[in-house]
Amino acid sequence: MASNPDFVQYIVDQCAGAGEVAARKMFGDWCLYCDGKPFGLVSDNGLYVKPTDAGRRLLRAEDMRPPYDGAKPHFYIEDVDDRDYLSELVKATCAALPEPKPRKKGR
């Protein structure tokens, strides 16, 4: 089941305190970016954040689930209504993730 675009926008708005947060539709669901760095997914109206040690220290409850069949487990975030909590989690996660590889220019 695909995610509701209104829910995706709600998640983007909730995480906005972390930086410039955006969502891009990918593979039927949504990839989340903060300042150009991918940090999580919205799949089946659920928020999944890439696991990092920095993020783990901020979690209220650790719940690891794959966002889709065959995916590596991510932190499943049930409490999406606390804007400050989500922003801090996204900031910490993005700080711990490597910079994205530069895209190759088209021919």
C-alpha atoms as a PDB file:
ATOM      1  CA  MET A   1       0.000   0.000   0.000  1.00  0.00           C
ATOM      2  CA  ALA A   2       1.389   3.406  -0.949  1.00  0.00           C
ATOM      3  CA  SER A   3       1.644   6.221   1.547  1.00  0.00           C
ATOM      4  CA  ASN A   4      -0.852   9.044   1.641  1.00  0.00           C
ATOM      5  CA  PRO A   5       0.763  12.263   0.257  1.00  0.00           C
ATOM      6  CA  ASP A   6      -0.831  14.253   3.111  1.00  0.00           C
ATOM      7  CA  PHE A   7       0.920  12.003   5.646  1.00  0.00           C
ATOM      8  CA  VAL A   8       4.226  12.407   3.809  1.00  0.00           C
ATOM      9  CA  GLN A   9       3.858  16.202   3.914  1.00  0.00           C
ATOM     10  CA  TYR A  10       3.006  16.015   7.630  1.00  0.00           C
ATOM     11  CA  ILE A  11       6.266  14.108   8.273  1.00  0.00           C
ATOM     12  CA  VAL A  12       8.243  16.656   6.220  1.00  0.00           C
ATOM     13  CA  ASP A  13       6.674  19.487   8.231  1.00  0.00           C
ATOM     14  CA  GLN A  14       7.340  17.721  11.536  1.00  0.00           C
ATOM     15  CA  CYS A  15      11.045  17.258  10.707  1.00  0.00           C
ATOM     16  CA  ALA A  16      11.560  20.782   9.321  1.00  0.00           C
ATOM     17  CA  GLY A  17      13.461  21.951  12.413  1.00  0.00           C
ATOM     18  CA  ALA A  18      16.380  19.733  11.354  1.00  0.00           C
ATOM     19  CA  GLY A  19      17.083  21.642   8.139  1.00  0.00           C
ATOM     20  CA  GLU A  20      15.721  21.677   4.617  1.00  0.00           C
ATOM     21  CA  VAL A  21      13.605  18.511   4.598  1.00  0.00           C
ATOM     22  CA  ALA A  22      12.114  17.154   1.385  1.00  0.00           C
ATOM     23  CA  ALA A  23      10.452  13.978   0.165  1.00  0.00           C
ATOM     24  CA  ARG A  24      10.849  12.368  -3.243  1.00  0.00           C
ATOM     25  CA  LYS A  25       8.693   9.584  -4.570  1.00  0.00           C
ATOM     26  CA  MET A  26      10.773   6.457  -5.156  1.00  0.00           C
ATOM     27  CA  PHE A  27       9.819   2.867  -5.859  1.00  0.00           C
ATOM     28  CA  GLY A  28       6.182   3.481  -4.942  1.00  0.00           C
ATOM     29  CA  ASP A  29       6.928   5.157  -1.615  1.00  0.00           C
ATOM     30  CA  TRP A  30       8.915   8.172  -0.420  1.00  0.00           C
ATOM     31  CA  CYS A  31      12.571   8.851   0.382  1.00  0.00           C
ATOM     32  CA  LEU A  32      13.226  11.623   2.925  1.00  0.00           C
ATOM     33  CA  TYR A  33      16.144  14.049   2.642  1.00  0.00           C
ATOM     34  CA  CYS A  34      17.554  16.658   4.984  1.00  0.00           C
ATOM     35  CA  ASP A  35      19.834  19.219   3.369  1.00  0.00           C
ATOM     36  CA  GLY A  36      20.211  16.845   0.413  1.00  0.00           C
ATOM     37  CA  LYS A  37      21.180  13.813   2.516  1.00  0.00           C
ATOM     38  CA  PRO A  38      18.813  10.790   2.503  1.00  0.00           C
ATOM     39  CA  PHE A  39      17.923   9.855   6.076  1.00  0.00           C
ATOM     40  CA  GLY A  40      14.756   7.791   5.927  1.00  0.00           C
ATOM     41  CA  LEU A  41      11.657   6.529   4.198  1.00  0.00           C
ATOM     42  CA  VAL A  42       7.917   6.855   4.440  1.00  0.00           C
ATOM     43  CA  SER A  43       6.401   3.507   3.524  1.00  0.00           C
ATOM     44  CA  ASP A  44       2.823   2.337   4.096  1.00  0.00           C
ATOM     45  CA  ASN A  45       2.170   5.500   6.138  1.00  0.00           C
ATOM     46  CA  GLY A  46       5.007   4.695   8.528  1.00  0.00           C
ATOM     47  CA  LEU A  47       8.231   6.609   9.224  1.00  0.00           C
ATOM     48  CA  TYR A  48      11.506   4.685   8.957  1.00  0.00           C
ATOM     49  CA  VAL A  49      14.847   6.323   9.811  1.00  0.00           C
ATOM     50  CA  LYS A  50      18.271   4.946   8.895  1.00  0.00           C
ATOM     51  CA  PRO A  51      19.896   3.372  11.950  1.00  0.00           C
ATOM     52  CA  THR A  52      22.875   5.181  13.476  1.00  0.00           C
ATOM     53  CA  ASP A  53      24.387   5.105  16.959  1.00  0.00           C
ATOM     54  CA  ALA A  54      23.606   8.815  17.356  1.00  0.00           C
ATOM     55  CA  GLY A  55      19.972   8.215  16.461  1.00  0.00           C
ATOM     56  CA  ARG A  56      19.757   5.179  18.723  1.00  0.00           C
ATOM     57  CA  ARG A  57      20.747   7.311  21.735  1.00  0.00           C
ATOM     58  CA  LEU A  58      17.757   9.604  21.110  1.00  0.00           C
ATOM     59  CA  LEU A  59      15.122   6.931  20.530  1.00  0.00           C
ATOM     60  CA  ARG A  60      12.342   6.662  23.067  1.00  0.00           C
ATOM     61  CA  ALA A  61      11.852   3.016  22.127  1.00  0.00           C
ATOM     62  CA  GLU A  62      13.940   1.038  19.656  1.00  0.00           C
ATOM     63  CA  ASP A  63      11.804  -0.772  17.091  1.00  0.00           C
ATOM     64  CA  MET A  64      13.693  -2.107  14.073  1.00  0.00           C
ATOM     65  CA  ARG A  65      11.618  -2.988  11.005  1.00  0.00           C
ATOM     66  CA  PRO A  66      12.296  -3.201   7.290  1.00  0.00           C
ATOM     67  CA  PRO A  67      10.341  -0.497   5.426  1.00  0.00           C
ATOM     68  CA  TYR A  68       9.570  -2.969   2.616  1.00  0.00           C
ATOM     69  CA  ASP A  69      10.256  -6.616   1.799  1.00  0.00           C
ATOM     70  CA  GLY A  70      13.953  -7.263   1.320  1.00  0.00           C
ATOM     71  CA  ALA A  71      15.098  -3.971   2.903  1.00  0.00           C
ATOM     72  CA  LYS A  72      17.543  -3.647   5.770  1.00  0.00           C
ATOM     73  CA  PRO A  73      15.840  -2.857   9.091  1.00  0.00           C
ATOM     74  CA  HIS A  74      15.420   0.818   9.948  1.00  0.00           C
ATOM     75  CA  PHE A  75      14.245   2.530  13.121  1.00  0.00           C
ATOM     76  CA  TYR A  76      10.446   2.544  12.964  1.00  0.00           C
ATOM     77  CA  ILE A  77       9.234   5.791  14.520  1.00  0.00           C
ATOM     78  CA  GLU A  78       5.757   5.503  15.958  1.00  0.00           C
ATOM     79  CA  ASP A  79       5.585   8.922  17.656  1.00  0.00           C
ATOM     80  CA  VAL A  80       5.448  11.288  14.681  1.00  0.00           C
ATOM     81  CA  ASP A  81       3.523  14.023  16.488  1.00  0.00           C
ATOM     82  CA  ASP A  82       6.423  15.416  18.545  1.00  0.00           C
ATOM     83  CA  ARG A  83       8.084  17.932  16.218  1.00  0.00           C
ATOM     84  CA  ASP A  84      11.069  18.642  18.506  1.00  0.00           C
ATOM     85  CA  TYR A  85      11.806  14.937  18.980  1.00  0.00           C
ATOM     86  CA  LEU A  86      11.717  14.222  15.232  1.00  0.00           C
ATOM     87  CA  SER A  87      13.864  17.241  14.391  1.00  0.00           C
ATOM     88  CA  GLU A  88      16.543  16.233  16.918  1.00  0.00           C
ATOM     89  CA  LEU A  89      16.470  12.621  15.703  1.00  0.00           C
ATOM     90  CA  VAL A  90      16.869  13.716  12.070  1.00  0.00           C
ATOM     91  CA  LYS A  91      19.699  16.146  12.948  1.00  0.00           C
ATOM     92  CA  ALA A  92      21.606  13.474  14.876  1.00  0.00           C
ATOM     93  CA  THR A  93      21.031  10.846  12.200  1.00  0.00           C
ATOM     94  CA  CYS A  94      22.157  13.093   9.346  1.00  0.00           C
ATOM     95  CA  ALA A  95      25.266  14.205  11.224  1.00  0.00           C
ATOM     96  CA  ALA A  96      26.265  10.537  11.580  1.00  0.00           C
ATOM     97  CA  LEU A  97      25.582   9.575   7.947  1.00  0.00           C
ATOM     98  CA  PRO A  98      28.229   9.916   5.234  1.00  0.00           C
ATOM     99  CA  GLU A  99      27.857  12.592   2.594  1.00  0.00           C
ATOM    100  CA  PRO A 100      26.020  11.373  -0.492  1.00  0.00           C
ATOM    101  CA  LYS A 101      28.173  10.482  -3.478  1.00  0.00           C
ATOM    102  CA  PRO A 102      28.172  13.127  -6.203  1.00  0.00           C
ATOM    103  CA  ARG A 103      25.902  12.330  -9.129  1.00  0.00           C
ATOM    104  CA  LYS A 104      27.509  11.728 -12.495  1.00  0.00           C
ATOM    105  CA  LYS A 105      26.613  14.237 -15.152  1.00  0.00           C
ATOM    106  CA  GLY A 106      24.603  13.012 -18.117  1.00  0.00           C
ATOM    107  CA  ARG A 107      26.196  12.660 -21.500  1.00  0.00           C
END
